[in-house]
Amino acid sequence: MDSLDTQIDQFLSAPAFGVAGASDDKHKYGHKVLVCYKQHDRKAYPINPNVETVLGEPAYANVSSLPEKVESLSIITPPPVTDKVVDDAIAAGVKNIWMQPGAESPRAISKAKEAGLNVIYGGACLLVVLGYRGP
């Protein structure tokens, strides 16, 4: 198995990212992760089937509805939702998944690994790795 640093480098090398659980609520991590990508000039698409926009951009219902294929997906959803998001990601050809702390689901982790995806989970946080600059 690759080291965590190697897994993170592979994840971050993608040209575009999906953010499942993106939100306009400044207190939610789905908001902070999307903002963090933008702060670092990364192309990121908000995924949230319950809203039309996030940060003034169109929000997408799922990974397969994104306007371009993404290789890397950040997941900031409750574990039961994570299961569905991972199923969608596998079907859409995502290569890298980063389950932020609190989003992890044993079923989703196992399924993503079985599908051959690069799966990051268990404490590493994108906000720390990239360096989130709060409001």
C-alpha atoms as a PDB file:
ATOM      1  CA  MET A   1       0.000   0.000   0.000  1.00  0.00           C
ATOM      2  CA  ASP A   2       1.208   3.502  -0.836  1.00  0.00           C
ATOM      3  CA  SER A   3       2.183   5.897   1.910  1.00  0.00           C
ATOM      4  CA  LEU A   4      -0.330   8.550   2.919  1.00  0.00           C
ATOM      5  CA  ASP A   5       1.845  11.257   1.346  1.00  0.00           C
ATOM      6  CA  THR A   6       1.883   9.356  -1.964  1.00  0.00           C
ATOM      7  CA  GLN A   7      -1.887   8.862  -1.808  1.00  0.00           C
ATOM      8  CA  ILE A   8      -2.430  12.578  -1.142  1.00  0.00           C
ATOM      9  CA  ASP A   9      -0.060  13.615  -3.958  1.00  0.00           C
ATOM     10  CA  GLN A  10      -1.954  11.336  -6.360  1.00  0.00           C
ATOM     11  CA  PHE A  11      -5.283  12.797  -5.206  1.00  0.00           C
ATOM     12  CA  LEU A  12      -4.130  16.409  -5.540  1.00  0.00           C
ATOM     13  CA  SER A  13      -2.591  15.882  -8.999  1.00  0.00           C
ATOM     14  CA  ALA A  14      -6.070  15.799 -10.577  1.00  0.00           C
ATOM     15  CA  PRO A  15      -7.016  18.713 -12.866  1.00  0.00           C
ATOM     16  CA  ALA A  16     -10.490  19.035 -11.294  1.00  0.00           C
ATOM     17  CA  PHE A  17     -12.232  17.936  -8.107  1.00  0.00           C
ATOM     18  CA  GLY A  18     -15.723  17.111  -6.975  1.00  0.00           C
ATOM     19  CA  VAL A  19     -16.890  18.132  -3.500  1.00  0.00           C
ATOM     20  CA  ALA A  20     -19.742  15.912  -2.299  1.00  0.00           C
ATOM     21  CA  GLY A  21     -21.538  17.664   0.521  1.00  0.00           C
ATOM     22  CA  ALA A  22     -20.673  21.188  -0.632  1.00  0.00           C
ATOM     23  CA  SER A  23     -22.647  23.858   1.205  1.00  0.00           C
ATOM     24  CA  ASP A  24     -23.161  27.607   1.469  1.00  0.00           C
ATOM     25  CA  ASP A  25     -23.221  27.266   5.277  1.00  0.00           C
ATOM     26  CA  LYS A  26     -19.901  28.771   6.377  1.00  0.00           C
ATOM     27  CA  HIS A  27     -19.890  26.552   9.485  1.00  0.00           C
ATOM     28  CA  LYS A  28     -19.994  23.287   7.524  1.00  0.00           C
ATOM     29  CA  TYR A  29     -16.892  21.492   6.349  1.00  0.00           C
ATOM     30  CA  GLY A  30     -18.458  21.012   2.911  1.00  0.00           C
ATOM     31  CA  HIS A  31     -18.275  24.790   2.550  1.00  0.00           C
ATOM     32  CA  LYS A  32     -14.728  25.039   3.894  1.00  0.00           C
ATOM     33  CA  VAL A  33     -13.390  22.296   1.608  1.00  0.00           C
ATOM     34  CA  LEU A  34     -14.878  23.920  -1.510  1.00  0.00           C
ATOM     35  CA  VAL A  35     -13.521  27.331  -0.460  1.00  0.00           C
ATOM     36  CA  CYS A  36     -10.106  25.780   0.236  1.00  0.00           C
ATOM     37  CA  TYR A  37      -9.868  24.413  -3.317  1.00  0.00           C
ATOM     38  CA  LYS A  38     -10.777  27.857  -4.665  1.00  0.00           C
ATOM     39  CA  GLN A  39      -8.219  29.561  -2.389  1.00  0.00           C
ATOM     40  CA  HIS A  40      -5.566  27.388  -4.025  1.00  0.00           C
ATOM     41  CA  ASP A  41      -6.771  28.057  -7.587  1.00  0.00           C
ATOM     42  CA  ARG A  42      -8.064  24.526  -8.057  1.00  0.00           C
ATOM     43  CA  LYS A  43     -11.095  23.732 -10.198  1.00  0.00           C
ATOM     44  CA  ALA A  44     -13.743  22.208  -7.952  1.00  0.00           C
ATOM     45  CA  TYR A  45     -17.392  21.399  -8.519  1.00  0.00           C
ATOM     46  CA  PRO A  46     -19.975  21.444  -5.722  1.00  0.00           C
ATOM     47  CA  ILE A  47     -22.082  18.297  -5.421  1.00  0.00           C
ATOM     48  CA  ASN A  48     -25.284  18.648  -3.422  1.00  0.00           C
ATOM     49  CA  PRO A  49     -28.632  17.357  -4.722  1.00  0.00           C
ATOM     50  CA  ASN A  50     -30.566  19.553  -2.279  1.00  0.00           C
ATOM     51  CA  VAL A  51     -29.572  23.000  -3.588  1.00  0.00           C
ATOM     52  CA  GLU A  52     -29.294  24.735  -6.954  1.00  0.00           C
ATOM     53  CA  THR A  53     -26.092  26.671  -6.255  1.00  0.00           C
ATOM     54  CA  VAL A  54     -23.158  26.758  -3.845  1.00  0.00           C
ATOM     55  CA  LEU A  55     -20.917  29.829  -3.675  1.00  0.00           C
ATOM     56  CA  GLY A  56     -22.910  31.185  -6.606  1.00  0.00           C
ATOM     57  CA  GLU A  57     -21.957  28.251  -8.861  1.00  0.00           C
ATOM     58  CA  PRO A  58     -24.275  25.506 -10.121  1.00  0.00           C
ATOM     59  CA  ALA A  59     -24.506  22.590  -7.708  1.00  0.00           C
ATOM     60  CA  TYR A  60     -24.688  19.113  -9.203  1.00  0.00           C
ATOM     61  CA  ALA A  61     -26.857  16.256  -7.963  1.00  0.00           C
ATOM     62  CA  ASN A  62     -24.117  13.617  -8.224  1.00  0.00           C
ATOM     63  CA  VAL A  63     -20.712  12.841  -9.711  1.00  0.00           C
ATOM     64  CA  SER A  64     -22.095  11.664 -13.050  1.00  0.00           C
ATOM     65  CA  SER A  65     -23.884  15.000 -13.601  1.00  0.00           C
ATOM     66  CA  LEU A  66     -20.684  17.094 -13.400  1.00  0.00           C
ATOM     67  CA  PRO A  67     -19.817  19.042 -16.584  1.00  0.00           C
ATOM     68  CA  GLU A  68     -16.487  17.223 -16.856  1.00  0.00           C
ATOM     69  CA  LYS A  69     -15.084  13.977 -15.536  1.00  0.00           C
ATOM     70  CA  VAL A  70     -13.221  14.372 -12.254  1.00  0.00           C
ATOM     71  CA  GLU A  71     -10.479  12.028 -11.088  1.00  0.00           C
ATOM     72  CA  SER A  72     -10.611  13.102  -7.441  1.00  0.00           C
ATOM     73  CA  LEU A  73     -13.592  13.438  -5.133  1.00  0.00           C
ATOM     74  CA  SER A  74     -13.726  14.929  -1.638  1.00  0.00           C
ATOM     75  CA  ILE A  75     -16.556  13.500   0.434  1.00  0.00           C
ATOM     76  CA  ILE A  76     -18.008  15.478   3.327  1.00  0.00           C
ATOM     77  CA  THR A  77     -21.312  13.714   3.930  1.00  0.00           C
ATOM     78  CA  PRO A  78     -22.814  11.544   6.689  1.00  0.00           C
ATOM     79  CA  PRO A  79     -21.675   7.886   6.360  1.00  0.00           C
ATOM     80  CA  PRO A  80     -25.021   6.588   4.964  1.00  0.00           C
ATOM     81  CA  VAL A  81     -24.798   9.224   2.199  1.00  0.00           C
ATOM     82  CA  THR A  82     -21.113   8.416   1.673  1.00  0.00           C
ATOM     83  CA  ASP A  83     -22.114   4.863   0.695  1.00  0.00           C
ATOM     84  CA  LYS A  84     -24.247   6.198  -2.174  1.00  0.00           C
ATOM     85  CA  VAL A  85     -21.650   8.798  -3.193  1.00  0.00           C
ATOM     86  CA  VAL A  86     -18.974   6.092  -3.465  1.00  0.00           C
ATOM     87  CA  ASP A  87     -21.262   3.913  -5.600  1.00  0.00           C
ATOM     88  CA  ASP A  88     -21.809   6.895  -7.921  1.00  0.00           C
ATOM     89  CA  ALA A  89     -18.087   7.716  -7.980  1.00  0.00           C
ATOM     90  CA  ILE A  90     -17.126   4.176  -8.962  1.00  0.00           C
ATOM     91  CA  ALA A  91     -19.728   4.190 -11.747  1.00  0.00           C
ATOM     92  CA  ALA A  92     -18.445   7.580 -12.983  1.00  0.00           C
ATOM     93  CA  GLY A  93     -14.809   6.436 -13.150  1.00  0.00           C
ATOM     94  CA  VAL A  94     -13.403   8.483 -10.261  1.00  0.00           C
ATOM     95  CA  LYS A  95      -9.871   7.319  -9.378  1.00  0.00           C
ATOM     96  CA  ASN A  96      -9.281   9.019  -6.016  1.00  0.00           C
ATOM     97  CA  ILE A  97     -11.586   9.474  -3.030  1.00  0.00           C
ATOM     98  CA  TRP A  98     -10.835  11.452   0.111  1.00  0.00           C
ATOM     99  CA  MET A  99     -13.333  10.880   2.908  1.00  0.00           C
ATOM    100  CA  GLN A 100     -12.982  13.762   5.288  1.00  0.00           C
ATOM    101  CA  PRO A 101     -13.137  12.959   9.020  1.00  0.00           C
ATOM    102  CA  GLY A 102     -16.702  12.061   9.952  1.00  0.00           C
ATOM    103  CA  ALA A 103     -17.683  10.972   6.442  1.00  0.00           C
ATOM    104  CA  GLU A 104     -16.056   7.551   6.622  1.00  0.00           C
ATOM    105  CA  SER A 105     -18.179   4.449   6.203  1.00  0.00           C
ATOM    106  CA  PRO A 106     -16.618   0.969   6.494  1.00  0.00           C
ATOM    107  CA  ARG A 107     -18.788  -0.217   3.579  1.00  0.00           C
ATOM    108  CA  ALA A 108     -17.759   2.718   1.375  1.00  0.00           C
ATOM    109  CA  ILE A 109     -14.059   2.313   2.212  1.00  0.00           C
ATOM    110  CA  SER A 110     -14.172  -1.398   1.467  1.00  0.00           C
ATOM    111  CA  LYS A 111     -16.132  -0.959  -1.763  1.00  0.00           C
ATOM    112  CA  ALA A 112     -13.824   1.804  -3.060  1.00  0.00           C
ATOM    113  CA  LYS A 113     -10.711  -0.257  -2.281  1.00  0.00           C
ATOM    114  CA  GLU A 114     -12.211  -3.329  -3.981  1.00  0.00           C
ATOM    115  CA  ALA A 115     -12.825  -1.158  -7.065  1.00  0.00           C
ATOM    116  CA  GLY A 116      -9.114  -0.224  -7.092  1.00  0.00           C
ATOM    117  CA  LEU A 117      -9.531   3.405  -6.092  1.00  0.00           C
ATOM    118  CA  ASN A 118      -6.989   5.439  -4.148  1.00  0.00           C
ATOM    119  CA  VAL A 119      -8.890   5.935  -0.861  1.00  0.00           C
ATOM    120  CA  ILE A 120      -7.829   8.407   1.822  1.00  0.00           C
ATOM    121  CA  TYR A 121      -9.611   8.217   5.181  1.00  0.00           C
ATOM    122  CA  GLY A 122      -8.983   7.959   8.887  1.00  0.00           C
ATOM    123  CA  GLY A 123      -8.015  11.431   9.973  1.00  0.00           C
ATOM    124  CA  ALA A 124      -6.127  13.224   7.201  1.00  0.00           C
ATOM    125  CA  CYS A 125      -7.935  16.462   6.370  1.00  0.00           C
ATOM    126  CA  LEU A 126      -7.716  18.355   3.106  1.00  0.00           C
ATOM    127  CA  LEU A 127      -8.084  21.663   4.971  1.00  0.00           C
ATOM    128  CA  VAL A 128      -4.849  20.977   6.851  1.00  0.00           C
ATOM    129  CA  VAL A 129      -2.944  19.559   3.883  1.00  0.00           C
ATOM    130  CA  LEU A 130      -3.783  22.405   1.463  1.00  0.00           C
ATOM    131  CA  GLY A 131      -3.994  25.080   4.135  1.00  0.00           C
ATOM    132  CA  TYR A 132      -7.473  26.556   4.584  1.00  0.00           C
ATOM    133  CA  ARG A 133      -7.552  30.293   5.179  1.00  0.00           C
ATOM    134  CA  GLY A 134     -10.703  31.013   7.170  1.00  0.00           C
ATOM    135  CA  PRO A 135     -13.060  33.931   6.602  1.00  0.00           C
END
